[in-house]
Amino acid sequence: MSTAERKAREKEALKLLILKGAKKLFLERGIEQTTIRNIADEIDYSVGTVYVYFKDKNAILHDLHSIGFEELGGYFKELFSIKDPMERLKKMGFTYIKFALENTEMYDLMFIVKAPMEFIETSEKEAWNEGVGTFGALKKTVEECMNKGHFKGNSLEPLSFMIWSMVHGMCSLEIRQRTKGVKFSNPDTILFDGYNEYLKIIEKL
């Protein structure tokens, strides 16, 4: 291995160490309570070292949110082994909900916290590639459903957006504990109960 290759690997390893330390603190303390100083202390490096790799906290948040989308995208990719698009669409929703509930801080970072989008706005990136990819998987599945005769009279993109928004909304209400104060008969199961009601509706379309 050449000196240049070794240095490149060392740089990549340190960058991953910073992201690992940041993620650990985000999960333990929350995103707002974590600072660059905290991250540097966590990995036993100087604040200056962190700034060599990331210009600010938003840049760290953006890279972490990208990692979250890679994980979610991997789950979605596996679902394409399901040939029936309607069954895949149903499973996709359950997978999305499961991911959100098991990764609440990461879900916040991916879909609610502004920081990753603020980073994109101030960088040379032209689009939210992570969001485009995830929405594309849903849109492709909905399109295949339409080709099979489902959702007659509906428009592909707005319908796909509506489905995403509905499932996202339910997940967000659950994660932010808004479902606990509405006095539901079964607050502990309302998220999945609500999703199952949605499935009953689309089975008729």
N, C-alpha and C. Protein backbone atom coordinates (compact mmCIF):
# COMPACT_ATOMS: atom_id res chain seq x y z
N MET A 1 0.84 -1.20 0.00
CA MET A 1 0.00 0.00 0.00
C MET A 1 0.88 1.25 0.00
N SER A 2 0.58 2.18 -0.88
CA SER A 2 1.37 3.40 -0.96
C SER A 2 1.06 4.33 0.21
N THR A 3 1.93 5.31 0.41
CA THR A 3 1.73 6.28 1.48
C THR A 3 0.43 7.05 1.28
N ALA A 4 0.14 7.42 0.03
CA ALA A 4 -1.08 8.16 -0.28
C ALA A 4 -2.32 7.33 0.04
N GLU A 5 -2.27 6.05 -0.31
CA GLU A 5 -3.42 5.17 -0.03
C GLU A 5 -3.62 5.00 1.47
N ARG A 6 -2.53 4.87 2.20
CA ARG A 6 -2.63 4.70 3.66
C ARG A 6 -3.21 5.95 4.30
N LYS A 7 -2.76 7.12 3.85
CA LYS A 7 -3.28 8.37 4.39
C LYS A 7 -4.76 8.55 4.08
N ALA A 8 -5.15 8.13 2.89
CA ALA A 8 -6.56 8.23 2.50
C ALA A 8 -7.43 7.34 3.39
N ARG A 9 -6.93 6.15 3.68
CA ARG A 9 -7.67 5.23 4.55
C ARG A 9 -7.75 5.78 5.97
N GLU A 10 -6.66 6.36 6.43
CA GLU A 10 -6.64 6.92 7.78
C GLU A 10 -7.63 8.08 7.89
N LYS A 11 -7.68 8.91 6.85
CA LYS A 11 -8.62 10.04 6.85
C LYS A 11 -10.06 9.55 6.87
N GLU A 12 -10.33 8.52 6.07
CA GLU A 12 -11.69 7.98 6.01
C GLU A 12 -12.06 7.34 7.34
N ALA A 13 -11.10 6.67 7.97
CA ALA A 13 -11.36 6.03 9.26
C ALA A 13 -11.67 7.07 10.33
N LEU A 14 -10.95 8.20 10.31
CA LEU A 14 -11.19 9.24 11.30
C LEU A 14 -12.54 9.92 11.06
N LYS A 15 -12.88 10.10 9.80
CA LYS A 15 -14.18 10.69 9.48
C LYS A 15 -15.31 9.79 10.00
N LEU A 16 -15.17 8.49 9.80
CA LEU A 16 -16.18 7.55 10.28
C LEU A 16 -16.23 7.52 11.80
N LEU A 17 -15.06 7.70 12.44
CA LEU A 17 -15.02 7.76 13.90
C LEU A 17 -15.79 8.97 14.42
N ILE A 18 -15.64 10.10 13.74
CA ILE A 18 -16.37 11.31 14.12
C ILE A 18 -17.87 11.08 13.99
N LEU A 19 -18.28 10.47 12.89
CA LEU A 19 -19.71 10.21 12.67
C LEU A 19 -20.25 9.22 13.70
N LYS A 20 -19.45 8.22 14.02
CA LYS A 20 -19.88 7.24 15.02
C LYS A 20 -20.05 7.89 16.39
N GLY A 21 -19.09 8.75 16.76
CA GLY A 21 -19.19 9.46 18.03
C GLY A 21 -20.38 10.40 18.07
N ALA A 22 -20.61 11.11 16.95
CA ALA A 22 -21.74 12.03 16.88
C ALA A 22 -23.06 11.29 17.00
N LYS A 23 -23.18 10.18 16.31
CA LYS A 23 -24.42 9.41 16.37
C LYS A 23 -24.69 8.91 17.78
N LYS A 24 -23.65 8.45 18.45
CA LYS A 24 -23.80 7.96 19.82
C LYS A 24 -24.35 9.06 20.73
N LEU A 25 -23.79 10.26 20.60
CA LEU A 25 -24.23 11.38 21.43
C LEU A 25 -25.64 11.83 21.07
N PHE A 26 -25.97 11.82 19.78
CA PHE A 26 -27.32 12.21 19.36
C PHE A 26 -28.35 11.28 19.98
N LEU A 27 -28.03 9.99 19.99
CA LEU A 27 -28.96 9.02 20.54
C LEU A 27 -29.08 9.14 22.06
N GLU A 28 -27.98 9.48 22.70
CA GLU A 28 -27.97 9.58 24.17
C GLU A 28 -28.54 10.90 24.67
N ARG A 29 -28.16 11.99 24.01
CA ARG A 29 -28.51 13.33 24.51
C ARG A 29 -29.57 14.04 23.70
N GLY A 30 -29.73 13.62 22.46
CA GLY A 30 -30.58 14.36 21.54
C GLY A 30 -29.74 15.25 20.66
N ILE A 31 -30.26 15.60 19.52
CA ILE A 31 -29.51 16.36 18.52
C ILE A 31 -29.19 17.77 19.00
N GLU A 32 -30.16 18.45 19.58
CA GLU A 32 -29.97 19.83 19.99
C GLU A 32 -28.94 19.98 21.10
N GLN A 33 -28.82 18.96 21.95
CA GLN A 33 -27.92 19.04 23.11
C GLN A 33 -26.49 18.61 22.79
N THR A 34 -26.25 18.20 21.56
CA THR A 34 -24.91 17.74 21.17
C THR A 34 -24.17 18.85 20.43
N THR A 35 -22.94 19.09 20.81
CA THR A 35 -22.13 20.13 20.19
C THR A 35 -20.87 19.53 19.56
N ILE A 36 -20.19 20.34 18.75
CA ILE A 36 -18.92 19.91 18.17
C ILE A 36 -17.93 19.57 19.29
N ARG A 37 -17.93 20.37 20.35
CA ARG A 37 -17.05 20.11 21.49
C ARG A 37 -17.35 18.76 22.12
N ASN A 38 -18.63 18.44 22.29
CA ASN A 38 -19.01 17.14 22.85
C ASN A 38 -18.49 16.00 21.98
N ILE A 39 -18.64 16.17 20.68
CA ILE A 39 -18.22 15.12 19.74
C ILE A 39 -16.71 14.92 19.81
N ALA A 40 -15.97 16.03 19.85
CA ALA A 40 -14.50 15.94 19.93
C ALA A 40 -14.08 15.24 21.22
N ASP A 41 -14.73 15.58 22.32
CA ASP A 41 -14.39 14.94 23.60
C ASP A 41 -14.72 13.45 23.57
N GLU A 42 -15.81 13.10 22.91
CA GLU A 42 -16.25 11.71 22.84
C GLU A 42 -15.21 10.82 22.16
N ILE A 43 -14.56 11.35 21.12
CA ILE A 43 -13.61 10.54 20.35
C ILE A 43 -12.15 10.84 20.73
N ASP A 44 -11.96 11.70 21.75
CA ASP A 44 -10.61 12.03 22.24
C ASP A 44 -9.74 12.70 21.18
N TYR A 45 -10.37 13.61 20.42
CA TYR A 45 -9.64 14.43 19.46
C TYR A 45 -9.97 15.89 19.74
N SER A 46 -9.20 16.78 19.14
CA SER A 46 -9.44 18.21 19.34
C SER A 46 -10.62 18.68 18.50
N VAL A 47 -11.20 19.79 18.92
CA VAL A 47 -12.28 20.40 18.13
C VAL A 47 -11.78 20.74 16.73
N GLY A 48 -10.54 21.20 16.65
CA GLY A 48 -9.96 21.54 15.36
C GLY A 48 -9.92 20.37 14.40
N THR A 49 -9.66 19.18 14.93
CA THR A 49 -9.63 17.99 14.08
C THR A 49 -11.01 17.73 13.48
N VAL A 50 -12.05 17.88 14.27
CA VAL A 50 -13.41 17.68 13.76
C VAL A 50 -13.70 18.66 12.62
N TYR A 51 -13.25 19.91 12.81
CA TYR A 51 -13.51 20.93 11.78
C TYR A 51 -12.71 20.69 10.50
N VAL A 52 -11.66 19.91 10.57
CA VAL A 52 -10.92 19.55 9.35
C VAL A 52 -11.80 18.73 8.42
N TYR A 53 -12.68 17.92 9.01
CA TYR A 53 -13.52 17.01 8.23
C TYR A 53 -14.94 17.54 7.99
N PHE A 54 -15.42 18.37 8.89
CA PHE A 54 -16.78 18.90 8.76
C PHE A 54 -16.78 20.39 9.09
N LYS A 55 -17.37 21.18 8.21
CA LYS A 55 -17.30 22.63 8.41
C LYS A 55 -18.16 23.10 9.58
N ASP A 56 -19.21 22.32 9.92
CA ASP A 56 -20.04 22.67 11.06
C ASP A 56 -20.91 21.47 11.45
N LYS A 57 -21.73 21.66 12.45
CA LYS A 57 -22.57 20.58 12.95
C LYS A 57 -23.58 20.13 11.88
N ASN A 58 -24.07 21.07 11.09
CA ASN A 58 -25.03 20.71 10.04
C ASN A 58 -24.43 19.72 9.05
N ALA A 59 -23.13 19.88 8.76
CA ALA A 59 -22.46 18.95 7.83
C ALA A 59 -22.41 17.55 8.42
N ILE A 60 -22.18 17.45 9.71
CA ILE A 60 -22.18 16.14 10.38
C ILE A 60 -23.58 15.55 10.33
N LEU A 61 -24.57 16.37 10.64
CA LEU A 61 -25.96 15.91 10.61
C LEU A 61 -26.35 15.43 9.22
N HIS A 62 -25.88 16.14 8.20
CA HIS A 62 -26.21 15.73 6.83
C HIS A 62 -25.63 14.36 6.50
N ASP A 63 -24.36 14.14 6.86
CA ASP A 63 -23.75 12.84 6.57
C ASP A 63 -24.45 11.72 7.34
N LEU A 64 -24.83 11.99 8.59
CA LEU A 64 -25.53 10.98 9.37
C LEU A 64 -26.91 10.70 8.78
N HIS A 65 -27.58 11.73 8.33
CA HIS A 65 -28.91 11.53 7.75
C HIS A 65 -28.81 10.74 6.46
N SER A 66 -27.70 10.91 5.73
CA SER A 66 -27.47 10.12 4.52
C SER A 66 -27.29 8.64 4.85
N ILE A 67 -26.58 8.37 5.95
CA ILE A 67 -26.39 6.99 6.40
C ILE A 67 -27.74 6.37 6.74
N GLY A 68 -28.60 7.14 7.39
CA GLY A 68 -29.95 6.65 7.71
C GLY A 68 -30.72 6.28 6.47
N PHE A 69 -30.62 7.09 5.43
CA PHE A 69 -31.32 6.79 4.19
C PHE A 69 -30.75 5.56 3.50
N GLU A 70 -29.45 5.35 3.64
CA GLU A 70 -28.85 4.14 3.07
C GLU A 70 -29.44 2.90 3.75
N GLU A 71 -29.60 2.99 5.06
CA GLU A 71 -30.18 1.86 5.80
C GLU A 71 -31.63 1.62 5.38
N LEU A 72 -32.43 2.68 5.33
CA LEU A 72 -33.83 2.55 4.93
C LEU A 72 -33.91 2.07 3.48
N GLY A 73 -33.06 2.60 2.62
CA GLY A 73 -33.05 2.18 1.22
C GLY A 73 -32.72 0.71 1.07
N GLY A 74 -31.84 0.20 1.94
CA GLY A 74 -31.52 -1.22 1.90
C GLY A 74 -32.73 -2.08 2.22
N TYR A 75 -33.54 -1.65 3.20
CA TYR A 75 -34.76 -2.38 3.54
C TYR A 75 -35.73 -2.37 2.36
N PHE A 76 -35.87 -1.20 1.75
CA PHE A 76 -36.79 -1.08 0.61
C PHE A 76 -36.33 -1.94 -0.56
N LYS A 77 -35.02 -1.97 -0.79
CA LYS A 77 -34.48 -2.75 -1.92
C LYS A 77 -34.84 -4.22 -1.78
N GLU A 78 -34.78 -4.71 -0.55
CA GLU A 78 -35.13 -6.12 -0.31
C GLU A 78 -36.60 -6.40 -0.65
N LEU A 79 -37.44 -5.38 -0.48
CA LEU A 79 -38.88 -5.58 -0.72
C LEU A 79 -39.19 -5.81 -2.19
N PHE A 80 -38.29 -5.42 -3.09
CA PHE A 80 -38.57 -5.58 -4.51
C PHE A 80 -38.48 -7.04 -4.96
N SER A 81 -38.14 -7.92 -4.04
CA SER A 81 -38.24 -9.35 -4.34
C SER A 81 -39.71 -9.80 -4.29
N ILE A 82 -40.58 -8.96 -3.72
CA ILE A 82 -42.02 -9.24 -3.69
C ILE A 82 -42.60 -8.82 -5.04
N LYS A 83 -43.05 -9.77 -5.81
CA LYS A 83 -43.47 -9.50 -7.18
C LYS A 83 -44.80 -8.74 -7.27
N ASP A 84 -45.74 -9.06 -6.37
CA ASP A 84 -47.03 -8.38 -6.38
C ASP A 84 -46.84 -6.97 -5.82
N PRO A 85 -47.01 -5.93 -6.66
CA PRO A 85 -46.72 -4.56 -6.19
C PRO A 85 -47.63 -4.10 -5.06
N MET A 86 -48.88 -4.57 -5.02
CA MET A 86 -49.76 -4.17 -3.94
C MET A 86 -49.30 -4.75 -2.60
N GLU A 87 -48.87 -5.99 -2.62
CA GLU A 87 -48.34 -6.60 -1.40
C GLU A 87 -47.05 -5.89 -0.98
N ARG A 88 -46.24 -5.52 -1.98
CA ARG A 88 -45.01 -4.79 -1.69
C ARG A 88 -45.31 -3.43 -1.07
N LEU A 89 -46.32 -2.75 -1.61
CA LEU A 89 -46.72 -1.44 -1.10
C LEU A 89 -47.15 -1.54 0.37
N LYS A 90 -47.92 -2.56 0.69
CA LYS A 90 -48.36 -2.76 2.07
C LYS A 90 -47.17 -3.02 2.98
N LYS A 91 -46.27 -3.88 2.53
CA LYS A 91 -45.09 -4.23 3.32
C LYS A 91 -44.17 -3.02 3.48
N MET A 92 -44.12 -2.19 2.45
CA MET A 92 -43.26 -1.01 2.49
C MET A 92 -43.67 -0.08 3.64
N GLY A 93 -44.97 0.06 3.83
CA GLY A 93 -45.45 0.90 4.92
C GLY A 93 -45.07 0.34 6.28
N PHE A 94 -45.23 -0.97 6.45
CA PHE A 94 -44.86 -1.60 7.72
C PHE A 94 -43.35 -1.45 7.97
N THR A 95 -42.56 -1.59 6.91
CA THR A 95 -41.11 -1.46 7.02
C THR A 95 -40.73 -0.04 7.43
N TYR A 96 -41.39 0.94 6.82
CA TYR A 96 -41.14 2.35 7.12
C TYR A 96 -41.47 2.65 8.58
N ILE A 97 -42.61 2.16 9.05
CA ILE A 97 -43.03 2.38 10.44
C ILE A 97 -42.05 1.71 11.40
N LYS A 98 -41.67 0.49 11.09
CA LYS A 98 -40.73 -0.24 11.95
C LYS A 98 -39.40 0.51 12.05
N PHE A 99 -38.91 1.01 10.93
CA PHE A 99 -37.66 1.77 10.92
C PHE A 99 -37.79 3.01 11.77
N ALA A 100 -38.90 3.72 11.63
CA ALA A 100 -39.12 4.96 12.39
C ALA A 100 -39.15 4.70 13.89
N LEU A 101 -39.84 3.65 14.32
CA LEU A 101 -39.98 3.36 15.74
C LEU A 101 -38.68 2.85 16.36
N GLU A 102 -37.88 2.15 15.57
CA GLU A 102 -36.63 1.60 16.09
C GLU A 102 -35.46 2.57 15.99
N ASN A 103 -35.65 3.67 15.25
CA ASN A 103 -34.59 4.66 15.04
C ASN A 103 -35.17 6.07 15.16
N THR A 104 -35.74 6.37 16.31
CA THR A 104 -36.50 7.62 16.45
C THR A 104 -35.64 8.87 16.24
N GLU A 105 -34.44 8.92 16.83
CA GLU A 105 -33.58 10.08 16.66
C GLU A 105 -33.13 10.21 15.20
N MET A 106 -32.80 9.07 14.59
CA MET A 106 -32.38 9.09 13.19
C MET A 106 -33.55 9.52 12.29
N TYR A 107 -34.75 9.05 12.61
CA TYR A 107 -35.92 9.44 11.82
C TYR A 107 -36.14 10.95 11.93
N ASP A 108 -36.00 11.49 13.13
CA ASP A 108 -36.09 12.94 13.31
C ASP A 108 -35.10 13.64 12.40
N LEU A 109 -33.87 13.13 12.39
CA LEU A 109 -32.81 13.73 11.60
C LEU A 109 -33.10 13.64 10.10
N MET A 110 -33.66 12.52 9.68
CA MET A 110 -33.92 12.30 8.26
C MET A 110 -35.09 13.12 7.73
N PHE A 111 -36.13 13.30 8.56
CA PHE A 111 -37.37 13.84 8.03
C PHE A 111 -37.93 15.08 8.74
N ILE A 112 -37.39 15.44 9.91
CA ILE A 112 -38.00 16.53 10.67
C ILE A 112 -37.02 17.67 10.95
N VAL A 113 -35.82 17.36 11.46
CA VAL A 113 -34.85 18.39 11.78
C VAL A 113 -34.40 19.13 10.51
N LYS A 114 -34.26 20.43 10.59
CA LYS A 114 -33.94 21.25 9.42
C LYS A 114 -32.47 21.18 9.00
N ALA A 115 -31.59 20.86 9.92
CA ALA A 115 -30.15 20.99 9.68
C ALA A 115 -29.64 20.34 8.39
N PRO A 116 -30.01 19.07 8.09
CA PRO A 116 -29.49 18.48 6.84
C PRO A 116 -29.93 19.24 5.60
N MET A 117 -31.15 19.78 5.61
CA MET A 117 -31.63 20.53 4.45
C MET A 117 -30.93 21.88 4.37
N GLU A 118 -30.63 22.47 5.52
CA GLU A 118 -29.89 23.74 5.53
C GLU A 118 -28.50 23.53 4.96
N PHE A 119 -27.89 22.37 5.24
CA PHE A 119 -26.58 22.07 4.68
C PHE A 119 -26.66 21.97 3.16
N ILE A 120 -27.70 21.29 2.67
CA ILE A 120 -27.87 21.15 1.22
C ILE A 120 -28.05 22.51 0.56
N GLU A 121 -28.82 23.38 1.20
CA GLU A 121 -29.09 24.71 0.64
C GLU A 121 -27.82 25.55 0.54
N THR A 122 -26.86 25.33 1.44
CA THR A 122 -25.64 26.14 1.43
C THR A 122 -24.48 25.45 0.72
N SER A 123 -24.74 24.26 0.17
CA SER A 123 -23.70 23.54 -0.55
C SER A 123 -23.98 23.60 -2.04
N GLU A 124 -23.19 22.88 -2.81
CA GLU A 124 -23.36 22.89 -4.25
C GLU A 124 -24.35 21.84 -4.73
N LYS A 125 -24.95 21.11 -3.78
CA LYS A 125 -25.91 20.08 -4.18
C LYS A 125 -27.16 20.74 -4.75
N GLU A 126 -27.72 20.13 -5.77
CA GLU A 126 -28.89 20.69 -6.43
C GLU A 126 -30.19 20.06 -5.97
N ALA A 127 -30.10 18.92 -5.31
CA ALA A 127 -31.32 18.22 -4.92
C ALA A 127 -31.09 17.42 -3.66
N TRP A 128 -32.19 17.04 -3.03
CA TRP A 128 -32.15 16.18 -1.84
C TRP A 128 -32.12 14.74 -2.34
N ASN A 129 -30.93 14.28 -2.72
CA ASN A 129 -30.80 12.98 -3.39
C ASN A 129 -31.35 11.83 -2.56
N GLU A 130 -31.14 11.91 -1.24
CA GLU A 130 -31.61 10.84 -0.37
C GLU A 130 -33.13 10.73 -0.41
N GLY A 131 -33.79 11.87 -0.34
CA GLY A 131 -35.25 11.88 -0.41
C GLY A 131 -35.76 11.44 -1.77
N VAL A 132 -35.06 11.86 -2.81
CA VAL A 132 -35.45 11.48 -4.18
C VAL A 132 -35.41 9.97 -4.33
N GLY A 133 -34.36 9.34 -3.81
CA GLY A 133 -34.22 7.90 -3.95
C GLY A 133 -35.29 7.13 -3.19
N THR A 134 -35.58 7.56 -1.96
CA THR A 134 -36.59 6.88 -1.16
C THR A 134 -37.97 7.05 -1.77
N PHE A 135 -38.30 8.27 -2.18
CA PHE A 135 -39.60 8.51 -2.81
C PHE A 135 -39.70 7.76 -4.12
N GLY A 136 -38.57 7.63 -4.83
CA GLY A 136 -38.58 6.91 -6.10
C GLY A 136 -38.98 5.46 -5.93
N ALA A 137 -38.52 4.83 -4.84
CA ALA A 137 -38.88 3.43 -4.59
C ALA A 137 -40.40 3.30 -4.37
N LEU A 138 -40.96 4.23 -3.62
CA LEU A 138 -42.41 4.22 -3.39
C LEU A 138 -43.16 4.50 -4.69
N LYS A 139 -42.72 5.49 -5.41
CA LYS A 139 -43.39 5.88 -6.66
C LYS A 139 -43.38 4.73 -7.67
N LYS A 140 -42.26 4.03 -7.77
CA LYS A 140 -42.16 2.89 -8.69
C LYS A 140 -43.16 1.81 -8.32
N THR A 141 -43.31 1.56 -7.02
CA THR A 141 -44.24 0.53 -6.56
C THR A 141 -45.68 0.94 -6.85
N VAL A 142 -46.01 2.20 -6.59
CA VAL A 142 -47.37 2.70 -6.88
C VAL A 142 -47.66 2.62 -8.37
N GLU A 143 -46.66 2.95 -9.19
CA GLU A 143 -46.83 2.88 -10.65
C GLU A 143 -47.11 1.44 -11.09
N GLU A 144 -46.41 0.48 -10.49
CA GLU A 144 -46.65 -0.92 -10.84
C GLU A 144 -48.05 -1.35 -10.40
N CYS A 145 -48.50 -0.82 -9.26
CA CYS A 145 -49.87 -1.09 -8.81
C CYS A 145 -50.87 -0.57 -9.84
N MET A 146 -50.63 0.63 -10.34
CA MET A 146 -51.54 1.23 -11.32
C MET A 146 -51.54 0.42 -12.62
N ASN A 147 -50.37 -0.10 -13.00
CA ASN A 147 -50.28 -0.90 -14.21
C ASN A 147 -51.04 -2.22 -14.07
N LYS A 148 -51.23 -2.64 -12.80
CA LYS A 148 -51.99 -3.87 -12.52
C LYS A 148 -53.48 -3.61 -12.38
N GLY A 149 -53.88 -2.34 -12.55
CA GLY A 149 -55.30 -2.02 -12.50
C GLY A 149 -55.78 -1.36 -11.22
N HIS A 150 -54.88 -1.10 -10.27
CA HIS A 150 -55.26 -0.45 -9.02
C HIS A 150 -55.25 1.08 -9.19
N PHE A 151 -55.92 1.76 -8.30
CA PHE A 151 -55.91 3.23 -8.21
C PHE A 151 -56.36 3.90 -9.50
N LYS A 152 -57.40 3.36 -10.13
CA LYS A 152 -57.91 3.94 -11.37
C LYS A 152 -58.42 5.36 -11.10
N GLY A 153 -58.03 6.27 -12.00
CA GLY A 153 -58.47 7.66 -11.88
C GLY A 153 -57.55 8.52 -11.03
N ASN A 154 -56.54 7.90 -10.43
CA ASN A 154 -55.59 8.67 -9.61
C ASN A 154 -54.36 9.05 -10.41
N SER A 155 -53.66 10.10 -9.96
CA SER A 155 -52.42 10.54 -10.59
C SER A 155 -51.23 10.01 -9.79
N LEU A 156 -50.25 9.50 -10.50
CA LEU A 156 -49.13 8.78 -9.88
C LEU A 156 -48.40 9.59 -8.80
N GLU A 157 -47.85 10.71 -9.17
CA GLU A 157 -47.00 11.45 -8.23
C GLU A 157 -47.78 11.99 -7.02
N PRO A 158 -48.92 12.66 -7.24
CA PRO A 158 -49.68 13.13 -6.07
C PRO A 158 -50.14 11.98 -5.17
N LEU A 159 -50.52 10.86 -5.76
CA LEU A 159 -50.96 9.72 -4.96
C LEU A 159 -49.79 9.17 -4.14
N SER A 160 -48.63 9.05 -4.76
CA SER A 160 -47.44 8.57 -4.05
C SER A 160 -47.09 9.51 -2.90
N PHE A 161 -47.18 10.79 -3.17
CA PHE A 161 -46.91 11.79 -2.12
C PHE A 161 -47.91 11.67 -0.97
N MET A 162 -49.17 11.46 -1.31
CA MET A 162 -50.19 11.32 -0.28
C MET A 162 -49.91 10.12 0.62
N ILE A 163 -49.52 9.00 0.00
CA ILE A 163 -49.23 7.78 0.77
C ILE A 163 -48.04 8.02 1.70
N TRP A 164 -46.98 8.60 1.15
CA TRP A 164 -45.80 8.90 1.97
C TRP A 164 -46.17 9.84 3.13
N SER A 165 -46.91 10.90 2.80
CA SER A 165 -47.27 11.89 3.82
C SER A 165 -48.11 11.28 4.93
N MET A 166 -49.02 10.39 4.56
CA MET A 166 -49.89 9.79 5.57
C MET A 166 -49.08 8.92 6.54
N VAL A 167 -48.23 8.06 6.00
CA VAL A 167 -47.44 7.17 6.86
C VAL A 167 -46.44 7.99 7.68
N HIS A 168 -45.82 8.96 7.04
CA HIS A 168 -44.88 9.83 7.74
C HIS A 168 -45.59 10.58 8.88
N GLY A 169 -46.77 11.08 8.61
CA GLY A 169 -47.52 11.82 9.62
C GLY A 169 -47.83 10.95 10.83
N MET A 170 -48.24 9.73 10.60
CA MET A 170 -48.54 8.83 11.71
C MET A 170 -47.28 8.53 12.53
N CYS A 171 -46.16 8.30 11.82
CA CYS A 171 -44.90 8.03 12.52
C CYS A 171 -44.47 9.24 13.35
N SER A 172 -44.59 10.42 12.77
CA SER A 172 -44.17 11.64 13.47
C SER A 172 -45.00 11.88 14.71
N LEU A 173 -46.30 11.68 14.61
CA LEU A 173 -47.18 11.86 15.77
C LEU A 173 -46.82 10.87 16.88
N GLU A 174 -46.49 9.65 16.50
CA GLU A 174 -46.11 8.64 17.49
C GLU A 174 -44.76 8.97 18.13
N ILE A 175 -43.78 9.30 17.30
CA ILE A 175 -42.43 9.57 17.81
C ILE A 175 -42.43 10.78 18.74
N ARG A 176 -43.18 11.80 18.39
CA ARG A 176 -43.24 13.00 19.22
C ARG A 176 -44.28 12.89 20.33
N GLN A 177 -44.78 11.68 20.55
CA GLN A 177 -45.68 11.35 21.65
C GLN A 177 -47.00 12.13 21.62
N ARG A 178 -47.41 12.53 20.44
CA ARG A 178 -48.70 13.24 20.31
C ARG A 178 -49.87 12.26 20.43
N THR A 179 -49.61 10.98 20.20
CA THR A 179 -50.70 9.99 20.29
C THR A 179 -51.03 9.66 21.73
N LYS A 180 -50.16 10.08 22.67
CA LYS A 180 -50.39 9.73 24.08
C LYS A 180 -51.40 10.67 24.75
N GLY A 181 -51.59 11.85 24.20
CA GLY A 181 -52.45 12.82 24.88
C GLY A 181 -53.82 13.02 24.27
N VAL A 182 -54.16 12.20 23.28
CA VAL A 182 -55.44 12.37 22.59
C VAL A 182 -56.53 11.51 23.19
N LYS A 183 -56.19 10.70 24.17
CA LYS A 183 -57.15 9.83 24.84
C LYS A 183 -57.73 8.77 23.89
N PHE A 184 -56.87 8.19 23.05
CA PHE A 184 -57.30 7.07 22.21
C PHE A 184 -57.67 5.90 23.11
N SER A 185 -58.57 5.06 22.63
CA SER A 185 -58.95 3.88 23.42
C SER A 185 -57.75 2.96 23.62
N ASN A 186 -56.92 2.85 22.55
CA ASN A 186 -55.73 1.99 22.63
C ASN A 186 -54.52 2.77 22.10
N PRO A 187 -54.00 3.72 22.89
CA PRO A 187 -52.90 4.56 22.41
C PRO A 187 -51.64 3.78 22.05
N ASP A 188 -51.41 2.63 22.69
CA ASP A 188 -50.20 1.86 22.43
C ASP A 188 -50.23 1.16 21.07
N THR A 189 -51.42 1.00 20.52
CA THR A 189 -51.53 0.28 19.24
C THR A 189 -52.13 1.15 18.14
N ILE A 190 -52.40 2.43 18.43
CA ILE A 190 -53.12 3.26 17.47
C ILE A 190 -52.37 3.42 16.15
N LEU A 191 -51.03 3.45 16.20
CA LEU A 191 -50.26 3.61 14.96
C LEU A 191 -50.51 2.45 14.01
N PHE A 192 -50.36 1.24 14.49
CA PHE A 192 -50.56 0.07 13.62
C PHE A 192 -52.04 -0.15 13.32
N ASP A 193 -52.90 0.19 14.29
CA ASP A 193 -54.34 0.10 14.03
C ASP A 193 -54.72 1.05 12.89
N GLY A 194 -54.18 2.26 12.93
CA GLY A 194 -54.47 3.23 11.88
C GLY A 194 -53.93 2.78 10.54
N TYR A 195 -52.73 2.22 10.53
CA TYR A 195 -52.16 1.75 9.26
C TYR A 195 -52.98 0.60 8.69
N ASN A 196 -53.45 -0.28 9.54
CA ASN A 196 -54.27 -1.39 9.07
C ASN A 196 -55.60 -0.91 8.49
N GLU A 197 -56.14 0.18 9.04
CA GLU A 197 -57.36 0.75 8.46
C GLU A 197 -57.08 1.30 7.06
N TYR A 198 -55.91 1.92 6.90
CA TYR A 198 -55.50 2.41 5.58
C TYR A 198 -55.39 1.24 4.59
N LEU A 199 -54.84 0.11 5.04
CA LEU A 199 -54.72 -1.05 4.16
C LEU A 199 -56.08 -1.56 3.71
N LYS A 200 -57.06 -1.50 4.58
CA LYS A 200 -58.41 -1.93 4.22
C LYS A 200 -58.96 -1.07 3.09
N ILE A 201 -58.61 0.20 3.12
CA ILE A 201 -59.10 1.14 2.09
C ILE A 201 -58.44 0.86 0.74
N ILE A 202 -57.09 0.72 0.74
CA ILE A 202 -56.43 0.55 -0.56
C ILE A 202 -56.69 -0.81 -1.17
N GLU A 203 -57.06 -1.80 -0.35
CA GLU A 203 -57.39 -3.12 -0.91
C GLU A 203 -58.62 -3.06 -1.80
N LYS A 204 -59.44 -2.03 -1.63
CA LYS A 204 -60.65 -1.88 -2.43
C LYS A 204 -60.41 -1.06 -3.70
N LEU A 205 -59.21 -0.49 -3.84
CA LEU A 205 -58.95 0.41 -4.96
C LEU A 205 -58.21 -0.28 -6.10
